[in-house]
């Protein structure tokens, strides 16, 4: 399973969808990149293969990054490599 995580500006959590095949994950990655590069903001709608009822829509001008990572069943923690969890203390 491959996870495609979208980092949204001023948002502490990423949006993610999953694809079973690497080629399908690469297709979604390229789709997100095209939306980011587009001079006109557009709504990017994605669905998840792991949870078909999960749908995500984001305005392309608000995307600051995208990460594709393979998730193994044994090592899956719910977070993709490269993301840091920050906690506020009071």
PDB file of N, CA and C in Angstrom:
ATOM      1  N   UNK A   1       0.850  -1.169   0.000  1.00  0.00           N
ATOM      2  CA  UNK A   1       0.000   0.000   0.000  1.00  0.00           C
ATOM      3  C   UNK A   1       0.894   1.229   0.000  1.00  0.00           C
ATOM      4  N   UNK A   2       0.509   2.222  -0.788  1.00  0.00           N
ATOM      5  CA  UNK A   2       1.246   3.477  -0.888  1.00  0.00           C
ATOM      6  C   UNK A   2       0.366   4.608  -0.377  1.00  0.00           C
ATOM      7  N   UNK A   3       0.946   5.478   0.424  1.00  0.00           N
ATOM      8  CA  UNK A   3       0.235   6.620   0.977  1.00  0.00           C
ATOM      9  C   UNK A   3       0.703   7.890   0.275  1.00  0.00           C
ATOM     10  N   UNK A   4      -0.254   8.701  -0.159  1.00  0.00           N
ATOM     11  CA  UNK A   4       0.048   9.997  -0.753  1.00  0.00           C
ATOM     12  C   UNK A   4      -0.432  11.043   0.249  1.00  0.00           C
ATOM     13  N   UNK A   5       0.512  11.755   0.855  1.00  0.00           N
ATOM     14  CA  UNK A   5       0.195  12.752   1.874  1.00  0.00           C
ATOM     15  C   UNK A   5       0.358  14.146   1.287  1.00  0.00           C
ATOM     16  N   UNK A   6      -0.678  14.961   1.476  1.00  0.00           N
ATOM     17  CA  UNK A   6      -0.678  16.329   0.969  1.00  0.00           C
ATOM     18  C   UNK A   6      -0.561  17.274   2.154  1.00  0.00           C
ATOM     19  N   UNK A   7       0.459  18.126   2.103  1.00  0.00           N
ATOM     20  CA  UNK A   7       0.687  19.100   3.162  1.00  0.00           C
ATOM     21  C   UNK A   7      -0.014  20.397   2.763  1.00  0.00           C
ATOM     22  N   UNK A   8      -0.877  20.869   3.645  1.00  0.00           N
ATOM     23  CA  UNK A   8      -1.660  22.073   3.387  1.00  0.00           C
ATOM     24  C   UNK A   8      -1.101  23.210   4.238  1.00  0.00           C
ATOM     25  N   UNK A   9      -0.968  24.380   3.636  1.00  0.00           N
ATOM     26  CA  UNK A   9      -0.439  25.560   4.331  1.00  0.00           C
ATOM     27  C   UNK A   9      -1.223  25.838   5.616  1.00  0.00           C
ATOM     28  N   UNK A  10      -0.502  26.202   6.667  1.00  0.00           N
ATOM     29  CA  UNK A  10      -1.089  26.592   7.948  1.00  0.00           C
ATOM     30  C   UNK A  10      -1.980  25.519   8.574  1.00  0.00           C
ATOM     31  N   UNK A  11      -1.704  24.253   8.250  1.00  0.00           N
ATOM     32  CA  UNK A  11      -2.461  23.143   8.812  1.00  0.00           C
ATOM     33  C   UNK A  11      -1.476  22.144   9.399  1.00  0.00           C
ATOM     34  N   UNK A  12      -1.642  21.767  10.664  1.00  0.00           N
ATOM     35  CA  UNK A  12      -0.657  20.900  11.308  1.00  0.00           C
ATOM     36  C   UNK A  12      -0.704  19.437  10.877  1.00  0.00           C
ATOM     37  N   UNK A  13      -1.768  19.008  10.232  1.00  0.00           N
ATOM     38  CA  UNK A  13      -1.855  17.610   9.802  1.00  0.00           C
ATOM     39  C   UNK A  13      -1.921  17.545   8.277  1.00  0.00           C
ATOM     40  N   UNK A  14      -1.468  16.429   7.738  1.00  0.00           N
ATOM     41  CA  UNK A  14      -1.524  16.266   6.289  1.00  0.00           C
ATOM     42  C   UNK A  14      -2.806  15.529   5.901  1.00  0.00           C
ATOM     43  N   UNK A  15      -3.224  15.716   4.665  1.00  0.00           N
ATOM     44  CA  UNK A  15      -4.335  14.967   4.093  1.00  0.00           C
ATOM     45  C   UNK A  15      -3.729  13.768   3.382  1.00  0.00           C
ATOM     46  N   UNK A  16      -4.349  12.605   3.483  1.00  0.00           N
ATOM     47  CA  UNK A  16      -3.743  11.448   2.831  1.00  0.00           C
ATOM     48  C   UNK A  16      -4.781  10.545   2.196  1.00  0.00           C
ATOM     49  N   UNK A  17      -4.354   9.923   1.116  1.00  0.00           N
ATOM     50  CA  UNK A  17      -5.122   8.874   0.453  1.00  0.00           C
ATOM     51  C   UNK A  17      -4.152   7.733   0.148  1.00  0.00           C
ATOM     52  N   UNK A  18      -4.688   6.552  -0.057  1.00  0.00           N
ATOM     53  CA  UNK A  18      -3.841   5.390  -0.328  1.00  0.00           C
ATOM     54  C   UNK A  18      -4.137   4.802  -1.701  1.00  0.00           C
ATOM     55  N   UNK A  19      -3.097   4.194  -2.265  1.00  0.00           N
ATOM     56  CA  UNK A  19      -3.196   3.456  -3.514  1.00  0.00           C
ATOM     57  C   UNK A  19      -2.510   2.109  -3.321  1.00  0.00           C
ATOM     58  N   UNK A  20      -3.054   1.074  -3.940  1.00  0.00           N
ATOM     59  CA  UNK A  20      -2.488  -0.265  -3.806  1.00  0.00           C
ATOM     60  C   UNK A  20      -1.230  -0.437  -4.636  1.00  0.00           C
ATOM     61  N   UNK A  21      -1.209   0.168  -5.807  1.00  0.00           N
ATOM     62  CA  UNK A  21      -0.088  -0.006  -6.735  1.00  0.00           C
ATOM     63  C   UNK A  21       0.788   1.237  -6.794  1.00  0.00           C
ATOM     64  N   UNK A  22       2.095   1.005  -6.943  1.00  0.00           N
ATOM     65  CA  UNK A  22       3.041   2.118  -7.023  1.00  0.00           C
ATOM     66  C   UNK A  22       2.735   3.028  -8.207  1.00  0.00           C
ATOM     67  N   UNK A  23       2.369   2.449  -9.344  1.00  0.00           N
ATOM     68  CA  UNK A  23       2.061   3.249 -10.533  1.00  0.00           C
ATOM     69  C   UNK A  23       0.861   4.154 -10.288  1.00  0.00           C
ATOM     70  N   UNK A  24      -0.132   3.658  -9.575  1.00  0.00           N
ATOM     71  CA  UNK A  24      -1.307   4.481  -9.259  1.00  0.00           C
ATOM     72  C   UNK A  24      -0.943   5.610  -8.300  1.00  0.00           C
ATOM     73  N   UNK A  25      -0.064   5.323  -7.342  1.00  0.00           N
ATOM     74  CA  UNK A  25       0.405   6.356  -6.411  1.00  0.00           C
ATOM     75  C   UNK A  25       1.178   7.435  -7.161  1.00  0.00           C
ATOM     76  N   UNK A  26       2.001   7.022  -8.108  1.00  0.00           N
ATOM     77  CA  UNK A  26       2.772   7.974  -8.919  1.00  0.00           C
ATOM     78  C   UNK A  26       1.831   8.851  -9.754  1.00  0.00           C
ATOM     79  N   UNK A  27       0.756   8.271 -10.258  1.00  0.00           N
ATOM     80  CA  UNK A  27      -0.224   9.033 -11.037  1.00  0.00           C
ATOM     81  C   UNK A  27      -0.870  10.120 -10.174  1.00  0.00           C
ATOM     82  N   UNK A  28      -1.241   9.769  -8.945  1.00  0.00           N
ATOM     83  CA  UNK A  28      -1.834  10.758  -8.038  1.00  0.00           C
ATOM     84  C   UNK A  28      -0.810  11.838  -7.699  1.00  0.00           C
ATOM     85  N   UNK A  29       0.435  11.440  -7.438  1.00  0.00           N
ATOM     86  CA  UNK A  29       1.513  12.384  -7.145  1.00  0.00           C
ATOM     87  C   UNK A  29       1.659  13.390  -8.288  1.00  0.00           C
ATOM     88  N   UNK A  30       1.695  12.909  -9.513  1.00  0.00           N
ATOM     89  CA  UNK A  30       1.825  13.790 -10.673  1.00  0.00           C
ATOM     90  C   UNK A  30       0.598  14.701 -10.820  1.00  0.00           C
ATOM     91  N   UNK A  31      -0.571  14.169 -10.503  1.00  0.00           N
ATOM     92  CA  UNK A  31      -1.801  14.969 -10.563  1.00  0.00           C
ATOM     93  C   UNK A  31      -1.729  16.133  -9.568  1.00  0.00           C
ATOM     94  N   UNK A  32      -1.219  15.865  -8.365  1.00  0.00           N
ATOM     95  CA  UNK A  32      -1.082  16.922  -7.354  1.00  0.00           C
ATOM     96  C   UNK A  32      -0.047  17.951  -7.814  1.00  0.00           C
ATOM     97  N   UNK A  33       1.083  17.480  -8.361  1.00  0.00           N
ATOM     98  CA  UNK A  33       2.101  18.412  -8.854  1.00  0.00           C
ATOM     99  C   UNK A  33       1.562  19.317  -9.950  1.00  0.00           C
ATOM    100  N   UNK A  34       0.797  18.745 -10.878  1.00  0.00           N
ATOM    101  CA  UNK A  34       0.202  19.547 -11.953  1.00  0.00           C
ATOM    102  C   UNK A  34      -0.728  20.613 -11.377  1.00  0.00           C
ATOM    103  N   UNK A  35      -1.487  20.255 -10.360  1.00  0.00           N
ATOM    104  CA  UNK A  35      -2.402  21.216  -9.740  1.00  0.00           C
ATOM    105  C   UNK A  35      -1.618  22.334  -9.059  1.00  0.00           C
ATOM    106  N   UNK A  36      -0.506  21.985  -8.404  1.00  0.00           N
ATOM    107  CA  UNK A  36       0.322  23.001  -7.734  1.00  0.00           C
ATOM    108  C   UNK A  36       0.928  23.951  -8.767  1.00  0.00           C
ATOM    109  N   UNK A  37       1.376  23.409  -9.877  1.00  0.00           N
ATOM    110  CA  UNK A  37       2.030  24.212 -10.920  1.00  0.00           C
ATOM    111  C   UNK A  37       1.060  25.079 -11.722  1.00  0.00           C
ATOM    112  N   UNK A  38      -0.196  24.752 -11.687  1.00  0.00           N
ATOM    113  CA  UNK A  38      -1.185  25.486 -12.466  1.00  0.00           C
ATOM    114  C   UNK A  38      -1.269  26.940 -11.990  1.00  0.00           C
ATOM    115  N   UNK A  39      -1.284  27.893 -12.923  1.00  0.00           N
ATOM    116  CA  UNK A  39      -1.364  29.303 -12.524  1.00  0.00           C
ATOM    117  C   UNK A  39      -2.729  29.661 -11.917  1.00  0.00           C
ATOM    118  N   UNK A  40      -3.749  28.896 -12.247  1.00  0.00           N
ATOM    119  CA  UNK A  40      -5.088  29.140 -11.718  1.00  0.00           C
ATOM    120  C   UNK A  40      -5.393  28.143 -10.600  1.00  0.00           C
ATOM    121  N   UNK A  41      -5.783  28.619  -9.422  1.00  0.00           N
ATOM    122  CA  UNK A  41      -6.164  27.696  -8.348  1.00  0.00           C
ATOM    123  C   UNK A  41      -7.321  26.810  -8.802  1.00  0.00           C
ATOM    124  N   UNK A  42      -7.258  25.561  -8.416  1.00  0.00           N
ATOM    125  CA  UNK A  42      -8.316  24.622  -8.757  1.00  0.00           C
ATOM    126  C   UNK A  42      -8.566  23.697  -7.584  1.00  0.00           C
ATOM    127  N   UNK A  43      -9.735  23.096  -7.554  1.00  0.00           N
ATOM    128  CA  UNK A  43     -10.050  22.141  -6.497  1.00  0.00           C
ATOM    129  C   UNK A  43      -9.564  20.772  -6.946  1.00  0.00           C
ATOM    130  N   UNK A  44      -8.760  20.160  -6.104  1.00  0.00           N
ATOM    131  CA  UNK A  44      -8.227  18.826  -6.367  1.00  0.00           C
ATOM    132  C   UNK A  44      -9.027  17.851  -5.512  1.00  0.00           C
ATOM    133  N   UNK A  45      -9.713  16.913  -6.159  1.00  0.00           N
ATOM    134  CA  UNK A  45     -10.515  15.921  -5.455  1.00  0.00           C
ATOM    135  C   UNK A  45      -9.860  14.554  -5.583  1.00  0.00           C
ATOM    136  N   UNK A  46      -9.686  13.883  -4.449  1.00  0.00           N
ATOM    137  CA  UNK A  46      -9.065  12.566  -4.431  1.00  0.00           C
ATOM    138  C   UNK A  46      -9.906  11.605  -3.604  1.00  0.00           C
ATOM    139  N   UNK A  47      -9.846  10.332  -3.955  1.00  0.00           N
ATOM    140  CA  UNK A  47     -10.493   9.289  -3.181  1.00  0.00           C
ATOM    141  C   UNK A  47      -9.426   8.304  -2.722  1.00  0.00           C
ATOM    142  N   UNK A  48      -9.787   7.461  -1.795  1.00  0.00           N
ATOM    143  CA  UNK A  48      -8.847   6.528  -1.193  1.00  0.00           C
ATOM    144  C   UNK A  48      -9.214   5.099  -1.573  1.00  0.00           C
ATOM    145  N   UNK A  49      -8.232   4.309  -2.013  1.00  0.00           N
ATOM    146  CA  UNK A  49      -8.499   2.913  -2.343  1.00  0.00           C
ATOM    147  C   UNK A  49      -8.671   2.059  -1.093  1.00  0.00           C
ATOM    148  N   UNK A  50      -7.984   2.405  -0.017  1.00  0.00           N
ATOM    149  CA  UNK A  50      -8.080   1.625   1.211  1.00  0.00           C
ATOM    150  C   UNK A  50      -9.463   1.794   1.848  1.00  0.00           C
ATOM    151  N   UNK A  51      -9.946   3.025   1.883  1.00  0.00           N
ATOM    152  CA  UNK A  51     -11.282   3.348   2.410  1.00  0.00           C
ATOM    153  C   UNK A  51     -12.051   4.066   1.312  1.00  0.00           C
ATOM    154  N   UNK A  52     -12.783   3.351   0.463  1.00  0.00           N
ATOM    155  CA  UNK A  52     -13.455   3.977  -0.687  1.00  0.00           C
ATOM    156  C   UNK A  52     -14.407   5.112  -0.326  1.00  0.00           C
ATOM    157  N   UNK A  53     -14.929   5.105   0.901  1.00  0.00           N
ATOM    158  CA  UNK A  53     -15.842   6.175   1.299  1.00  0.00           C
ATOM    159  C   UNK A  53     -15.101   7.457   1.668  1.00  0.00           C
ATOM    160  N   UNK A  54     -13.772   7.392   1.802  1.00  0.00           N
ATOM    161  CA  UNK A  54     -12.958   8.570   2.145  1.00  0.00           C
ATOM    162  C   UNK A  54     -12.710   9.412   0.899  1.00  0.00           C
ATOM    163  N   UNK A  55     -13.074  10.687   0.990  1.00  0.00           N
ATOM    164  CA  UNK A  55     -12.869  11.627  -0.109  1.00  0.00           C
ATOM    165  C   UNK A  55     -12.196  12.871   0.446  1.00  0.00           C
ATOM    166  N   UNK A  56     -11.297  13.448  -0.347  1.00  0.00           N
ATOM    167  CA  UNK A  56     -10.568  14.644   0.064  1.00  0.00           C
ATOM    168  C   UNK A  56     -10.648  15.658  -1.072  1.00  0.00           C
ATOM    169  N   UNK A  57     -10.924  16.906  -0.726  1.00  0.00           N
ATOM    170  CA  UNK A  57     -10.895  18.003  -1.698  1.00  0.00           C
ATOM    171  C   UNK A  57     -10.074  19.132  -1.089  1.00  0.00           C
ATOM    172  N   UNK A  58      -9.154  19.674  -1.887  1.00  0.00           N
ATOM    173  CA  UNK A  58      -8.294  20.746  -1.402  1.00  0.00           C
ATOM    174  C   UNK A  58      -8.054  21.733  -2.534  1.00  0.00           C
ATOM    175  N   UNK A  59      -7.950  23.005  -2.190  1.00  0.00           N
ATOM    176  CA  UNK A  59      -7.661  24.043  -3.169  1.00  0.00           C
ATOM    177  C   UNK A  59      -6.167  23.991  -3.486  1.00  0.00           C
ATOM    178  N   UNK A  60      -5.822  23.882  -4.737  1.00  0.00           N
ATOM    179  CA  UNK A  60      -4.426  23.683  -5.142  1.00  0.00           C
ATOM    180  C   UNK A  60      -3.491  24.784  -4.662  1.00  0.00           C
ATOM    181  N   UNK A  61      -3.972  26.009  -4.545  1.00  0.00           N
ATOM    182  CA  UNK A  61      -3.116  27.107  -4.103  1.00  0.00           C
ATOM    183  C   UNK A  61      -2.751  26.994  -2.620  1.00  0.00           C
ATOM    184  N   UNK A  62      -3.415  26.114  -1.884  1.00  0.00           N
ATOM    185  CA  UNK A  62      -3.142  25.927  -0.457  1.00  0.00           C
ATOM    186  C   UNK A  62      -2.208  24.752  -0.184  1.00  0.00           C
ATOM    187  N   UNK A  63      -1.804  24.037  -1.220  1.00  0.00           N
ATOM    188  CA  UNK A  63      -0.914  22.888  -1.053  1.00  0.00           C
ATOM    189  C   UNK A  63       0.529  23.381  -1.000  1.00  0.00           C
ATOM    190  N   UNK A  64       1.261  22.948   0.018  1.00  0.00           N
ATOM    191  CA  UNK A  64       2.670  23.335   0.111  1.00  0.00           C
ATOM    192  C   UNK A  64       3.613  22.162  -0.133  1.00  0.00           C
ATOM    193  N   UNK A  65       3.092  20.941  -0.184  1.00  0.00           N
ATOM    194  CA  UNK A  65       3.953  19.791  -0.444  1.00  0.00           C
ATOM    195  C   UNK A  65       3.158  18.519  -0.606  1.00  0.00           C
ATOM    196  N   UNK A  66       3.833  17.507  -1.186  1.00  0.00           N
ATOM    197  CA  UNK A  66       3.219  16.189  -1.356  1.00  0.00           C
ATOM    198  C   UNK A  66       4.303  15.132  -1.164  1.00  0.00           C
ATOM    199  N   UNK A  67       3.942  14.047  -0.482  1.00  0.00           N
ATOM    200  CA  UNK A  67       4.888  12.970  -0.197  1.00  0.00           C
ATOM    201  C   UNK A  67       4.224  11.646  -0.553  1.00  0.00           C
ATOM    202  N   UNK A  68       4.978  10.775  -1.225  1.00  0.00           N
ATOM    203  CA  UNK A  68       4.521   9.413  -1.496  1.00  0.00           C
ATOM    204  C   UNK A  68       5.419   8.474  -0.708  1.00  0.00           C
ATOM    205  N   UNK A  69       4.808   7.568   0.040  1.00  0.00           N
ATOM    206  CA  UNK A  69       5.584   6.621   0.834  1.00  0.00           C
ATOM    207  C   UNK A  69       4.898   5.265   0.830  1.00  0.00           C
ATOM    208  N   UNK A  70       5.701   4.227   0.789  1.00  0.00           N
ATOM    209  CA  UNK A  70       5.153   2.881   0.866  1.00  0.00           C
ATOM    210  C   UNK A  70       4.902   2.554   2.329  1.00  0.00           C
ATOM    211  N   UNK A  71       3.736   2.020   2.610  1.00  0.00           N
ATOM    212  CA  UNK A  71       3.386   1.662   3.980  1.00  0.00           C
ATOM    213  C   UNK A  71       3.419   0.150   4.091  1.00  0.00           C
ATOM    214  N   UNK A  72       4.260  -0.357   4.973  1.00  0.00           N
ATOM    215  CA  UNK A  72       4.275  -1.791   5.221  1.00  0.00           C
ATOM    216  C   UNK A  72       3.352  -2.073   6.392  1.00  0.00           C
ATOM    217  N   UNK A  73       2.722  -3.218   6.390  1.00  0.00           N
ATOM    218  CA  UNK A  73       1.770  -3.575   7.436  1.00  0.00           C
ATOM    219  C   UNK A  73       2.393  -3.613   8.813  1.00  0.00           C
ATOM    220  N   UNK A  74       3.619  -4.115   8.939  1.00  0.00           N
ATOM    221  CA  UNK A  74       4.245  -4.259  10.248  1.00  0.00           C
ATOM    222  C   UNK A  74       4.749  -2.939  10.812  1.00  0.00           C
ATOM    223  N   UNK A  75       5.197  -2.036   9.943  1.00  0.00           N
ATOM    224  CA  UNK A  75       5.824  -0.804  10.411  1.00  0.00           C
ATOM    225  C   UNK A  75       4.920   0.415  10.304  1.00  0.00           C
ATOM    226  N   UNK A  76       3.674   0.229   9.937  1.00  0.00           N
ATOM    227  CA  UNK A  76       2.786   1.367   9.745  1.00  0.00           C
ATOM    228  C   UNK A  76       2.435   2.014  11.075  1.00  0.00           C
ATOM    229  N   UNK A  77       2.705   3.314  11.177  1.00  0.00           N
ATOM    230  CA  UNK A  77       2.416   4.048  12.408  1.00  0.00           C
ATOM    231  C   UNK A  77       1.362   5.115  12.195  1.00  0.00           C
ATOM    232  N   UNK A  78       0.873   5.254  10.971  1.00  0.00           N
ATOM    233  CA  UNK A  78      -0.101   6.295  10.695  1.00  0.00           C
ATOM    234  C   UNK A  78       0.530   7.585  10.220  1.00  0.00           C
ATOM    235  N   UNK A  79       1.853   7.659  10.250  1.00  0.00           N
ATOM    236  CA  UNK A  79       2.566   8.846   9.766  1.00  0.00           C
ATOM    237  C   UNK A  79       3.570   8.410   8.720  1.00  0.00           C
ATOM    238  N   UNK A  80       3.768   9.245   7.742  1.00  0.00           N
ATOM    239  CA  UNK A  80       4.742   8.951   6.698  1.00  0.00           C
ATOM    240  C   UNK A  80       6.117   9.442   7.097  1.00  0.00           C
ATOM    241  N   UNK A  81       7.167   8.781   6.611  1.00  0.00           N
ATOM    242  CA  UNK A  81       8.517   9.270   6.885  1.00  0.00           C
ATOM    243  C   UNK A  81       8.669  10.687   6.349  1.00  0.00           C
ATOM    244  N   UNK A  82       9.387  11.517   7.088  1.00  0.00           N
ATOM    245  CA  UNK A  82       9.616  12.881   6.626  1.00  0.00           C
ATOM    246  C   UNK A  82       8.727  13.896   7.307  1.00  0.00           C
ATOM    247  N   UNK A  83       7.720  13.439   8.034  1.00  0.00           N
ATOM    248  CA  UNK A  83       6.852  14.355   8.754  1.00  0.00           C
ATOM    249  C   UNK A  83       7.236  14.344  10.222  1.00  0.00           C
ATOM    250  N   UNK A  84       7.187  15.487  10.840  1.00  0.00           N
ATOM    251  CA  UNK A  84       7.508  15.614  12.251  1.00  0.00           C
ATOM    252  C   UNK A  84       6.239  15.978  12.997  1.00  0.00           C
ATOM    253  N   UNK A  85       6.012  15.317  14.098  1.00  0.00           N
ATOM    254  CA  UNK A  85       4.877  15.649  14.936  1.00  0.00           C
ATOM    255  C   UNK A  85       5.322  16.645  15.983  1.00  0.00           C
ATOM    256  N   UNK A  86       4.640  17.754  16.085  1.00  0.00           N
ATOM    257  CA  UNK A  86       4.978  18.771  17.062  1.00  0.00           C
ATOM    258  C   UNK A  86       3.810  18.916  18.025  1.00  0.00           C
ATOM    259  N   UNK A  87       4.141  19.001  19.296  1.00  0.00           N
ATOM    260  CA  UNK A  87       3.112  19.154  20.317  1.00  0.00           C
ATOM    261  C   UNK A  87       3.333  20.458  21.064  1.00  0.00           C
ATOM    262  N   UNK A  88       2.255  21.162  21.311  1.00  0.00           N
ATOM    263  CA  UNK A  88       2.345  22.409  22.079  1.00  0.00           C
ATOM    264  C   UNK A  88       2.234  22.092  23.557  1.00  0.00           C
ATOM    265  N   UNK A  89       3.055  22.758  24.347  1.00  0.00           N
ATOM    266  CA  UNK A  89       2.973  22.584  25.785  1.00  0.00           C
ATOM    267  C   UNK A  89       2.513  23.892  26.407  1.00  0.00           C
ATOM    268  N   UNK A  90       1.748  23.764  27.428  1.00  0.00           N
ATOM    269  CA  UNK A  90       1.217  24.970  28.081  1.00  0.00           C
ATOM    270  C   UNK A  90       1.823  25.138  29.431  1.00  0.00           C
TER     271      UNK A  90
END
